[in-house]
All heavy atoms as atom14 arrays in JSON, in Angstrom:
{
  "sequence": "RRPLRSPLSKVLYRRMPDDAEAAARELFAALRAFDAQGAN",
  "atom14_mask": [
    [1, 1, 1, 1, 1, 1, 1, 1, 1, 1, 1, 0, 0, 0],
    [1, 1, 1, 1, 1, 1, 1, 1, 1, 1, 1, 0, 0, 0],
    [1, 1, 1, 1, 1, 1, 1, 0, 0, 0, 0, 0, 0, 0],
    [1, 1, 1, 1, 1, 1, 1, 1, 0, 0, 0, 0, 0, 0],
    [1, 1, 1, 1, 1, 1, 1, 1, 1, 1, 1, 0, 0, 0],
    [1, 1, 1, 1, 1, 1, 0, 0, 0, 0, 0, 0, 0, 0],
    [1, 1, 1, 1, 1, 1, 1, 0, 0, 0, 0, 0, 0, 0],
    [1, 1, 1, 1, 1, 1, 1, 1, 0, 0, 0, 0, 0, 0],
    [1, 1, 1, 1, 1, 1, 0, 0, 0, 0, 0, 0, 0, 0],
    [1, 1, 1, 1, 1, 1, 1, 1, 1, 0, 0, 0, 0, 0],
    [1, 1, 1, 1, 1, 1, 1, 0, 0, 0, 0, 0, 0, 0],
    [1, 1, 1, 1, 1, 1, 1, 1, 0, 0, 0, 0, 0, 0],
    [1, 1, 1, 1, 1, 1, 1, 1, 1, 1, 1, 1, 0, 0],
    [1, 1, 1, 1, 1, 1, 1, 1, 1, 1, 1, 0, 0, 0],
    [1, 1, 1, 1, 1, 1, 1, 1, 1, 1, 1, 0, 0, 0],
    [1, 1, 1, 1, 1, 1, 1, 1, 0, 0, 0, 0, 0, 0],
    [1, 1, 1, 1, 1, 1, 1, 0, 0, 0, 0, 0, 0, 0],
    [1, 1, 1, 1, 1, 1, 1, 1, 0, 0, 0, 0, 0, 0],
    [1, 1, 1, 1, 1, 1, 1, 1, 0, 0, 0, 0, 0, 0],
    [1, 1, 1, 1, 1, 0, 0, 0, 0, 0, 0, 0, 0, 0],
    [1, 1, 1, 1, 1, 1, 1, 1, 1, 0, 0, 0, 0, 0],
    [1, 1, 1, 1, 1, 0, 0, 0, 0, 0, 0, 0, 0, 0],
    [1, 1, 1, 1, 1, 0, 0, 0, 0, 0, 0, 0, 0, 0],
    [1, 1, 1, 1, 1, 0, 0, 0, 0, 0, 0, 0, 0, 0],
    [1, 1, 1, 1, 1, 1, 1, 1, 1, 1, 1, 0, 0, 0],
    [1, 1, 1, 1, 1, 1, 1, 1, 1, 0, 0, 0, 0, 0],
    [1, 1, 1, 1, 1, 1, 1, 1, 0, 0, 0, 0, 0, 0],
    [1, 1, 1, 1, 1, 1, 1, 1, 1, 1, 1, 0, 0, 0],
    [1, 1, 1, 1, 1, 0, 0, 0, 0, 0, 0, 0, 0, 0],
    [1, 1, 1, 1, 1, 0, 0, 0, 0, 0, 0, 0, 0, 0],
    [1, 1, 1, 1, 1, 1, 1, 1, 0, 0, 0, 0, 0, 0],
    [1, 1, 1, 1, 1, 1, 1, 1, 1, 1, 1, 0, 0, 0],
    [1, 1, 1, 1, 1, 0, 0, 0, 0, 0, 0, 0, 0, 0],
    [1, 1, 1, 1, 1, 1, 1, 1, 1, 1, 1, 0, 0, 0],
    [1, 1, 1, 1, 1, 1, 1, 1, 0, 0, 0, 0, 0, 0],
    [1, 1, 1, 1, 1, 0, 0, 0, 0, 0, 0, 0, 0, 0],
    [1, 1, 1, 1, 1, 1, 1, 1, 1, 0, 0, 0, 0, 0],
    [1, 1, 1, 1, 0, 0, 0, 0, 0, 0, 0, 0, 0, 0],
    [1, 1, 1, 1, 1, 0, 0, 0, 0, 0, 0, 0, 0, 0],
    [1, 1, 1, 1, 1, 1, 1, 1, 0, 0, 0, 0, 0, 0]
  ],
  "atom14_positions": [
    [[0.83, -1.21, 0.0], [0.0, 0.0, 0.0], [0.86, 1.25, 0.0], [0.53, 2.25, -0.62], [-0.92, 0.03, 1.24], [-1.94, -1.09, 1.26], [-2.85, -1.01, 2.46], [-2.13, -0.71, 3.69], [-1.38, -1.6, 4.34], [-1.23, -2.81, 3.87], [-0.76, -1.25, 5.45], [0.0, 0.0, 0.0], [0.0, 0.0, 0.0], [0.0, 0.0, 0.0]],
    [[1.94, 1.23, 0.73], [2.78, 2.43, 0.8], [3.57, 2.61, -0.49], [4.08, 1.64, -1.07], [3.73, 2.35, 1.99], [4.79, 1.28, 1.9], [5.96, 1.55, 2.84], [5.53, 1.77, 4.2], [6.3, 2.3, 5.15], [7.54, 2.66, 4.87], [5.86, 2.46, 6.37], [0.0, 0.0, 0.0], [0.0, 0.0, 0.0], [0.0, 0.0, 0.0]],
    [[3.69, 3.84, -0.96], [4.54, 4.07, -2.13], [6.0, 3.92, -1.72], [6.43, 4.46, -0.7], [4.21, 5.51, -2.53], [3.67, 6.14, -1.3], [3.01, 5.07, -0.5], [0.0, 0.0, 0.0], [0.0, 0.0, 0.0], [0.0, 0.0, 0.0], [0.0, 0.0, 0.0], [0.0, 0.0, 0.0], [0.0, 0.0, 0.0], [0.0, 0.0, 0.0]],
    [[6.77, 3.18, -2.49], [8.18, 3.01, -2.17], [8.96, 4.24, -2.58], [8.69, 4.86, -3.61], [8.72, 1.77, -2.9], [8.02, 0.46, -2.53], [8.58, -0.68, -3.34], [8.12, 0.19, -1.05], [0.0, 0.0, 0.0], [0.0, 0.0, 0.0], [0.0, 0.0, 0.0], [0.0, 0.0, 0.0], [0.0, 0.0, 0.0], [0.0, 0.0, 0.0]],
    [[9.93, 4.59, -1.77], [10.68, 5.81, -2.05], [11.52, 5.69, -3.31], [11.69, 6.65, -4.03], [11.57, 6.15, -0.84], [10.8, 6.65, 0.37], [11.74, 7.2, 1.42], [12.61, 6.18, 1.96], [12.29, 5.39, 3.0], [11.1, 5.51, 3.57], [13.15, 4.5, 3.46], [0.0, 0.0, 0.0], [0.0, 0.0, 0.0], [0.0, 0.0, 0.0]],
    [[12.05, 4.49, -3.54], [12.9, 4.32, -4.73], [12.74, 2.9, -5.28], [13.6, 2.06, -5.07], [14.37, 4.59, -4.38], [14.77, 3.75, -3.3], [0.0, 0.0, 0.0], [0.0, 0.0, 0.0], [0.0, 0.0, 0.0], [0.0, 0.0, 0.0], [0.0, 0.0, 0.0], [0.0, 0.0, 0.0], [0.0, 0.0, 0.0], [0.0, 0.0, 0.0]],
    [[11.61, 2.62, -5.94], [11.42, 1.29, -6.51], [12.56, 0.94, -7.47], [13.0, 1.78, -8.25], [10.09, 1.4, -7.27], [9.44, 2.62, -6.75], [10.51, 3.52, -6.27], [0.0, 0.0, 0.0], [0.0, 0.0, 0.0], [0.0, 0.0, 0.0], [0.0, 0.0, 0.0], [0.0, 0.0, 0.0], [0.0, 0.0, 0.0], [0.0, 0.0, 0.0]],
    [[13.04, -0.28, -7.38], [14.16, -0.7, -8.21], [13.64, -1.2, -9.56], [12.6, -1.85, -9.63], [14.94, -1.81, -7.5], [15.46, -1.42, -6.11], [16.04, -2.64, -5.42], [16.5, -0.32, -6.22], [0.0, 0.0, 0.0], [0.0, 0.0, 0.0], [0.0, 0.0, 0.0], [0.0, 0.0, 0.0], [0.0, 0.0, 0.0], [0.0, 0.0, 0.0]],
    [[14.38, -0.96, -10.59], [13.92, -1.31, -11.93], [13.8, -2.81, -12.12], [13.04, -3.27, -12.97], [14.87, -0.73, -12.97], [16.18, -1.25, -12.79], [0.0, 0.0, 0.0], [0.0, 0.0, 0.0], [0.0, 0.0, 0.0], [0.0, 0.0, 0.0], [0.0, 0.0, 0.0], [0.0, 0.0, 0.0], [0.0, 0.0, 0.0], [0.0, 0.0, 0.0]],
    [[14.55, -3.59, -11.35], [14.51, -5.04, -11.49], [13.47, -5.7, -10.59], [13.4, -6.92, -10.51], [15.89, -5.63, -11.18], [17.0, -5.16, -12.11], [16.77, -5.65, -13.53], [17.93, -5.25, -14.43], [17.75, -5.73, -15.81], [0.0, 0.0, 0.0], [0.0, 0.0, 0.0], [0.0, 0.0, 0.0], [0.0, 0.0, 0.0], [0.0, 0.0, 0.0]],
    [[12.68, -4.9, -9.89], [11.66, -5.43, -8.99], [10.28, -5.12, -9.58], [10.0, -3.98, -9.95], [11.8, -4.84, -7.58], [10.64, -5.27, -6.69], [13.12, -5.26, -6.96], [0.0, 0.0, 0.0], [0.0, 0.0, 0.0], [0.0, 0.0, 0.0], [0.0, 0.0, 0.0], [0.0, 0.0, 0.0], [0.0, 0.0, 0.0], [0.0, 0.0, 0.0]],
    [[9.41, -6.13, -9.65], [8.04, -5.92, -10.09], [7.26, -5.28, -8.95], [7.31, -5.75, -7.83], [7.39, -7.26, -10.47], [8.12, -8.1, -11.52], [7.47, -9.48, -11.64], [8.12, -7.38, -12.86], [0.0, 0.0, 0.0], [0.0, 0.0, 0.0], [0.0, 0.0, 0.0], [0.0, 0.0, 0.0], [0.0, 0.0, 0.0], [0.0, 0.0, 0.0]],
    [[6.57, -4.2, -9.23], [5.86, -3.49, -8.17], [4.4, -3.28, -8.56], [4.09, -2.9, -9.69], [6.52, -2.13, -7.91], [5.78, -1.28, -6.9], [5.88, -1.56, -5.54], [4.98, -0.22, -7.3], [5.19, -0.8, -4.6], [4.28, 0.54, -6.36], [4.4, 0.25, -5.02], [3.71, 0.99, -4.1], [0.0, 0.0, 0.0], [0.0, 0.0, 0.0]],
    [[3.51, -3.54, -7.59], [2.09, -3.27, -7.78], [1.55, -2.72, -6.47], [1.82, -3.25, -5.39], [1.35, -4.55, -8.17], [-0.15, -4.37, -8.36], [-0.74, -5.55, -9.08], [-2.19, -5.46, -9.21], [-2.91, -6.17, -10.06], [-2.3, -7.01, -10.89], [-4.22, -6.05, -10.11], [0.0, 0.0, 0.0], [0.0, 0.0, 0.0], [0.0, 0.0, 0.0]],
    [[0.77, -1.65, -6.58], [0.26, -1.02, -5.37], [-1.02, -1.71, -4.92], [-1.95, -1.92, -5.7], [-0.02, 0.47, -5.6], [-0.25, 1.23, -4.3], [-0.39, 2.73, -4.54], [-0.42, 3.44, -3.27], [-1.48, 3.53, -2.47], [-2.61, 2.92, -2.82], [-1.42, 4.19, -1.33], [0.0, 0.0, 0.0], [0.0, 0.0, 0.0], [0.0, 0.0, 0.0]],
    [[-1.07, -2.08, -3.63], [-2.27, -2.66, -3.04], [-3.25, -1.53, -2.73], [-2.86, -0.49, -2.21], [-1.92, -3.4, -1.74], [-3.1, -4.06, -1.04], [-2.69, -4.71, 0.61], [-1.52, -6.0, 0.19], [0.0, 0.0, 0.0], [0.0, 0.0, 0.0], [0.0, 0.0, 0.0], [0.0, 0.0, 0.0], [0.0, 0.0, 0.0], [0.0, 0.0, 0.0]],
    [[-4.53, -1.71, -3.05], [-5.51, -0.66, -2.73], [-5.58, -0.37, -1.24], [-5.35, -1.26, -0.4], [-6.83, -1.25, -3.24], [-6.44, -2.24, -4.27], [-5.14, -2.82, -3.8], [0.0, 0.0, 0.0], [0.0, 0.0, 0.0], [0.0, 0.0, 0.0], [0.0, 0.0, 0.0], [0.0, 0.0, 0.0], [0.0, 0.0, 0.0], [0.0, 0.0, 0.0]],
    [[-5.92, 0.87, -0.89], [-6.09, 1.24, 0.52], [-7.42, 0.74, 1.07], [-7.59, 0.61, 2.28], [-6.02, 2.77, 0.68], [-4.64, 3.31, 0.37], [-3.65, 2.66, 0.77], [-4.53, 4.37, -0.26], [0.0, 0.0, 0.0], [0.0, 0.0, 0.0], [0.0, 0.0, 0.0], [0.0, 0.0, 0.0], [0.0, 0.0, 0.0], [0.0, 0.0, 0.0]],
    [[-8.38, 0.49, 0.19], [-9.7, 0.02, 0.59], [-9.7, -1.51, 0.67], [-9.25, -2.19, -0.25], [-10.74, 0.49, -0.43], [-12.12, -0.07, -0.15], [-12.76, 0.4, 0.8], [-12.54, -0.98, -0.88], [0.0, 0.0, 0.0], [0.0, 0.0, 0.0], [0.0, 0.0, 0.0], [0.0, 0.0, 0.0], [0.0, 0.0, 0.0], [0.0, 0.0, 0.0]],
    [[-10.21, -2.07, 1.78], [-10.15, -3.51, 2.0], [-10.93, -4.28, 0.94], [-10.47, -5.33, 0.47], [-10.66, -3.85, 3.39], [0.0, 0.0, 0.0], [0.0, 0.0, 0.0], [0.0, 0.0, 0.0], [0.0, 0.0, 0.0], [0.0, 0.0, 0.0], [0.0, 0.0, 0.0], [0.0, 0.0, 0.0], [0.0, 0.0, 0.0], [0.0, 0.0, 0.0]],
    [[-12.11, -3.8, 0.57], [-12.92, -4.53, -0.42], [-12.23, -4.52, -1.78], [-12.25, -5.52, -2.5], [-14.32, -3.93, -0.51], [-15.17, -4.23, 0.72], [-16.63, -3.88, 0.51], [-16.99, -3.44, -0.6], [-17.41, -4.07, 1.46], [0.0, 0.0, 0.0], [0.0, 0.0, 0.0], [0.0, 0.0, 0.0], [0.0, 0.0, 0.0], [0.0, 0.0, 0.0]],
    [[-11.62, -3.4, -2.14], [-10.91, -3.33, -3.42], [-9.69, -4.25, -3.4], [-9.37, -4.92, -4.4], [-10.49, -1.9, -3.72], [0.0, 0.0, 0.0], [0.0, 0.0, 0.0], [0.0, 0.0, 0.0], [0.0, 0.0, 0.0], [0.0, 0.0, 0.0], [0.0, 0.0, 0.0], [0.0, 0.0, 0.0], [0.0, 0.0, 0.0], [0.0, 0.0, 0.0]],
    [[-9.0, -4.31, -2.26], [-7.83, -5.19, -2.13], [-8.24, -6.65, -2.25], [-7.57, -7.45, -2.92], [-7.13, -4.94, -0.8], [0.0, 0.0, 0.0], [0.0, 0.0, 0.0], [0.0, 0.0, 0.0], [0.0, 0.0, 0.0], [0.0, 0.0, 0.0], [0.0, 0.0, 0.0], [0.0, 0.0, 0.0], [0.0, 0.0, 0.0], [0.0, 0.0, 0.0]],
    [[-9.36, -7.02, -1.62], [-9.84, -8.4, -1.73], [-10.2, -8.74, -3.17], [-9.9, -9.84, -3.66], [-11.06, -8.59, -0.83], [0.0, 0.0, 0.0], [0.0, 0.0, 0.0], [0.0, 0.0, 0.0], [0.0, 0.0, 0.0], [0.0, 0.0, 0.0], [0.0, 0.0, 0.0], [0.0, 0.0, 0.0], [0.0, 0.0, 0.0], [0.0, 0.0, 0.0]],
    [[-10.84, -7.8, -3.85], [-11.3, -8.04, -5.21], [-10.14, -8.36, -6.15], [-10.28, -9.18, -7.05], [-12.06, -6.81, -5.71], [-12.76, -6.99, -7.05], [-13.53, -5.73, -7.42], [-14.49, -5.37, -6.38], [-14.48, -4.23, -5.71], [-13.56, -3.3, -5.97], [-15.38, -4.01, -4.77], [0.0, 0.0, 0.0], [0.0, 0.0, 0.0], [0.0, 0.0, 0.0]],
    [[-8.98, -7.72, -5.95], [-7.88, -7.92, -6.89], [-6.78, -8.83, -6.37], [-5.83, -9.12, -7.09], [-7.28, -6.57, -7.28], [-6.4, -5.92, -6.22], [-5.57, -4.77, -6.79], [-6.13, -3.97, -7.54], [-4.36, -4.7, -6.47], [0.0, 0.0, 0.0], [0.0, 0.0, 0.0], [0.0, 0.0, 0.0], [0.0, 0.0, 0.0], [0.0, 0.0, 0.0]],
    [[-6.89, -9.31, -5.11], [-5.78, -10.03, -4.49], [-5.31, -11.22, -5.3], [-4.13, -11.34, -5.65], [-6.19, -10.49, -3.09], [-5.17, -11.37, -2.36], [-3.86, -10.63, -2.14], [-5.74, -11.87, -1.04], [0.0, 0.0, 0.0], [0.0, 0.0, 0.0], [0.0, 0.0, 0.0], [0.0, 0.0, 0.0], [0.0, 0.0, 0.0], [0.0, 0.0, 0.0]],
    [[-6.21, -12.15, -5.61], [-5.79, -13.37, -6.3], [-5.32, -13.07, -7.72], [-4.39, -13.71, -8.23], [-6.93, -14.38, -6.31], [-7.22, -14.97, -4.95], [-8.52, -15.28, -4.58], [-6.21, -15.21, -4.04], [-8.8, -15.84, -3.35], [-6.47, -15.75, -2.79], [-7.77, -16.07, -2.44], [0.0, 0.0, 0.0], [0.0, 0.0, 0.0], [0.0, 0.0, 0.0]],
    [[-5.96, -12.11, -8.37], [-5.52, -11.73, -9.72], [-4.11, -11.16, -9.68], [-3.29, -11.41, -10.58], [-6.49, -10.74, -10.34], [0.0, 0.0, 0.0], [0.0, 0.0, 0.0], [0.0, 0.0, 0.0], [0.0, 0.0, 0.0], [0.0, 0.0, 0.0], [0.0, 0.0, 0.0], [0.0, 0.0, 0.0], [0.0, 0.0, 0.0], [0.0, 0.0, 0.0]],
    [[-3.8, -10.38, -8.64], [-2.46, -9.8, -8.51], [-1.42, -10.9, -8.32], [-0.34, -10.87, -8.93], [-2.43, -8.82, -7.35], [0.0, 0.0, 0.0], [0.0, 0.0, 0.0], [0.0, 0.0, 0.0], [0.0, 0.0, 0.0], [0.0, 0.0, 0.0], [0.0, 0.0, 0.0], [0.0, 0.0, 0.0], [0.0, 0.0, 0.0], [0.0, 0.0, 0.0]],
    [[-1.71, -11.88, -7.46], [-0.75, -12.97, -7.23], [-0.56, -13.79, -8.5], [0.57, -14.19, -8.83], [-1.24, -13.86, -6.09], [-1.36, -13.19, -4.71], [-1.8, -14.2, -3.66], [-0.06, -12.52, -4.29], [0.0, 0.0, 0.0], [0.0, 0.0, 0.0], [0.0, 0.0, 0.0], [0.0, 0.0, 0.0], [0.0, 0.0, 0.0], [0.0, 0.0, 0.0]],
    [[-1.65, -14.04, -9.23], [-1.53, -14.77, -10.49], [-0.7, -13.99, -11.51], [0.09, -14.56, -12.27], [-2.92, -15.06, -11.06], [-3.64, -16.21, -10.37], [-5.04, -16.41, -10.93], [-5.65, -17.62, -10.42], [-5.52, -18.82, -10.95], [-4.81, -18.96, -12.07], [-6.09, -19.87, -10.42], [0.0, 0.0, 0.0], [0.0, 0.0, 0.0], [0.0, 0.0, 0.0]],
    [[-0.88, -12.67, -11.53], [-0.12, -11.85, -12.47], [1.38, -11.89, -12.16], [2.21, -11.98, -13.08], [-0.62, -10.41, -12.43], [0.0, 0.0, 0.0], [0.0, 0.0, 0.0], [0.0, 0.0, 0.0], [0.0, 0.0, 0.0], [0.0, 0.0, 0.0], [0.0, 0.0, 0.0], [0.0, 0.0, 0.0], [0.0, 0.0, 0.0], [0.0, 0.0, 0.0]],
    [[1.73, -11.88, -10.87], [3.15, -11.99, -10.51], [3.72, -13.33, -10.95], [4.85, -13.39, -11.46], [3.33, -11.82, -8.99], [3.19, -10.39, -8.5], [2.59, -10.13, -7.28], [3.69, -9.33, -9.24], [2.46, -8.82, -6.81], [3.57, -8.02, -8.78], [2.96, -7.77, -7.57], [0.0, 0.0, 0.0], [0.0, 0.0, 0.0], [0.0, 0.0, 0.0]],
    [[2.96, -14.4, -10.76], [3.42, -15.71, -11.25], [3.63, -15.67, -12.76], [4.64, -16.16, -13.28], [2.38, -16.78, -10.91], [2.58, -17.4, -9.53], [3.68, -17.25, -8.96], [1.63, -18.03, -9.03], [0.0, 0.0, 0.0], [0.0, 0.0, 0.0], [0.0, 0.0, 0.0], [0.0, 0.0, 0.0], [0.0, 0.0, 0.0], [0.0, 0.0, 0.0]],
    [[2.69, -15.07, -13.48], [2.79, -15.02, -14.94], [3.99, -14.2, -15.4], [4.55, -14.45, -16.47], [1.5, -14.44, -15.53], [0.0, 0.0, 0.0], [0.0, 0.0, 0.0], [0.0, 0.0, 0.0], [0.0, 0.0, 0.0], [0.0, 0.0, 0.0], [0.0, 0.0, 0.0], [0.0, 0.0, 0.0], [0.0, 0.0, 0.0], [0.0, 0.0, 0.0]],
    [[4.39, -13.21, -14.59], [5.54, -12.38, -14.92], [6.87, -13.02, -14.53], [7.93, -12.42, -14.74], [5.41, -11.01, -14.25], [4.3, -10.15, -14.82], [4.1, -8.87, -14.01], [3.51, -8.88, -12.94], [4.62, -7.76, -14.53], [0.0, 0.0, 0.0], [0.0, 0.0, 0.0], [0.0, 0.0, 0.0], [0.0, 0.0, 0.0], [0.0, 0.0, 0.0]],
    [[6.81, -14.2, -13.96], [8.03, -14.93, -13.63], [8.61, -14.67, -12.26], [9.76, -15.05, -11.99], [0.0, 0.0, 0.0], [0.0, 0.0, 0.0], [0.0, 0.0, 0.0], [0.0, 0.0, 0.0], [0.0, 0.0, 0.0], [0.0, 0.0, 0.0], [0.0, 0.0, 0.0], [0.0, 0.0, 0.0], [0.0, 0.0, 0.0], [0.0, 0.0, 0.0]],
    [[7.86, -14.05, -11.38], [8.36, -13.82, -10.02], [8.55, -15.14, -9.3], [7.75, -16.06, -9.44], [7.4, -12.94, -9.24], [0.0, 0.0, 0.0], [0.0, 0.0, 0.0], [0.0, 0.0, 0.0], [0.0, 0.0, 0.0], [0.0, 0.0, 0.0], [0.0, 0.0, 0.0], [0.0, 0.0, 0.0], [0.0, 0.0, 0.0], [0.0, 0.0, 0.0]],
    [[9.64, -15.26, -8.54], [9.77, -16.42, -7.67], [9.84, -16.03, -6.2], [9.89, -16.91, -5.32], [10.96, -17.31, -8.05], [12.21, -16.51, -8.34], [12.4, -15.43, -7.8], [13.06, -17.06, -9.19], [0.0, 0.0, 0.0], [0.0, 0.0, 0.0], [0.0, 0.0, 0.0], [0.0, 0.0, 0.0], [0.0, 0.0, 0.0], [0.0, 0.0, 0.0]]
  ]
}
C-alpha cells in the first residue's frame, strides 16, 4: 500500500488498494499476475 521511495527497476511493483474490499477483489488476480511475470 505504501509508495516506495525508490522502486528498483529489477523489482516488479504493484500497489495494493487502501480500501479492503478493493484489495480483496484484486488479491488473487495480482498474485496470479506476478506468477505469470516470472516472479519467484
